């Protein structure tokens, strides 16, 4: 559930836990033209806690990581053979 507070939308957080070096978390803007607006690089074992705002409508995650949300846990990265 989210609640608007000034310019910030308070909502559930997501947690990105890097399972390898070089995991990239990219924030995408809201509005007519979606653009990249923020990028973070994580190394194995690092954790980033993120929240959607009025400026951030989506996140793209590259690399092997575990993404923990209020809806469950999702794995990113190429599946192992």
Protein backbone atom coordinates (compact mmCIF):
# COMPACT_ATOMS: atom_id res chain seq x y z
CA UNK A 1 0.00 0.00 0.00
CA UNK A 2 1.36 3.46 -0.82
CA UNK A 3 0.59 6.85 0.62
CA UNK A 4 1.46 10.16 -1.06
CA UNK A 5 3.43 12.60 1.10
CA UNK A 6 4.45 15.83 -0.63
CA UNK A 7 6.68 14.96 -3.60
CA UNK A 8 7.46 11.46 -2.34
CA UNK A 9 5.32 8.35 -2.73
CA UNK A 10 5.76 6.19 0.38
CA UNK A 11 5.41 2.56 -0.54
CA UNK A 12 6.92 -0.83 0.08
CA UNK A 13 10.65 -1.10 -0.28
CA UNK A 14 12.48 -3.58 -2.46
CA UNK A 15 15.80 -5.09 -1.48
CA UNK A 16 18.41 -6.06 -4.08
CA UNK A 17 21.12 -8.43 -2.84
CA UNK A 18 24.01 -8.88 -5.29
CA UNK A 19 25.10 -12.49 -5.73
CA UNK A 20 28.05 -11.55 -7.98
CA UNK A 21 30.25 -8.52 -8.60
CA UNK A 22 28.95 -5.90 -11.03
CA UNK A 23 25.18 -6.11 -10.47
CA UNK A 24 23.60 -2.93 -11.87
CA UNK A 25 20.44 -1.31 -10.52
CA UNK A 26 19.00 1.33 -12.86
CA UNK A 27 16.20 3.74 -11.89
CA UNK A 28 13.79 4.78 -14.64
CA UNK A 29 11.79 8.01 -14.66
CA UNK A 30 8.05 8.52 -14.65
CA UNK A 31 6.19 10.49 -17.32
CA UNK A 32 5.71 10.56 -21.08
CA UNK A 33 9.35 9.72 -21.87
CA UNK A 34 10.84 7.04 -19.66
CA UNK A 35 14.58 7.67 -19.19
CA UNK A 36 17.40 6.26 -17.08
CA UNK A 37 18.03 8.65 -14.17
CA UNK A 38 20.17 6.77 -11.67
CA UNK A 39 22.55 3.81 -11.78
CA UNK A 40 24.21 1.89 -8.95
CA UNK A 41 26.78 -0.92 -9.17
CA UNK A 42 26.80 -3.57 -6.46
CA UNK A 43 29.43 -6.18 -5.68
CA UNK A 44 28.74 -9.67 -4.31
CA UNK A 45 27.16 -9.51 -0.87
CA UNK A 46 26.18 -5.84 -1.13
CA UNK A 47 22.56 -4.93 -0.51
CA UNK A 48 20.59 -1.96 -1.82
CA UNK A 49 17.23 -0.94 -0.39
CA UNK A 50 15.12 1.06 -2.85
CA UNK A 51 11.73 2.72 -2.96
CA UNK A 52 9.59 4.02 -5.82
CA UNK A 53 8.96 7.80 -5.79
CA UNK A 54 7.20 10.40 -7.91
CA UNK A 55 10.36 10.44 -10.08
CA UNK A 56 11.09 6.70 -10.16
CA UNK A 57 8.50 4.44 -11.79
CA UNK A 58 10.57 1.36 -12.56
CA UNK A 59 13.91 -0.32 -11.88
CA UNK A 60 16.00 -2.48 -14.15
CA UNK A 61 18.41 -4.94 -12.55
CA UNK A 62 21.26 -6.58 -14.46
CA UNK A 63 23.35 -9.40 -13.09
CA UNK A 64 22.83 -12.22 -10.64
CA UNK A 65 20.90 -11.00 -7.63
CA UNK A 66 18.07 -11.74 -5.26
CA UNK A 67 15.25 -9.18 -5.27
CA UNK A 68 13.05 -9.21 -2.19
CA UNK A 69 9.64 -7.49 -2.39
CA UNK A 70 6.34 -7.55 -0.56
CA UNK A 71 5.20 -9.94 -3.32
CA UNK A 72 7.98 -12.47 -2.79
CA UNK A 73 11.57 -13.17 -3.81
CA UNK A 74 12.74 -13.00 -7.42
CA UNK A 75 16.09 -14.11 -8.84
CA UNK A 76 17.74 -12.13 -11.62
CA UNK A 77 20.60 -13.09 -13.90
CA UNK A 78 21.23 -15.84 -16.38
CA UNK A 79 20.14 -19.29 -15.19
CA UNK A 80 22.96 -21.72 -14.44
CA UNK A 81 23.45 -24.56 -16.91
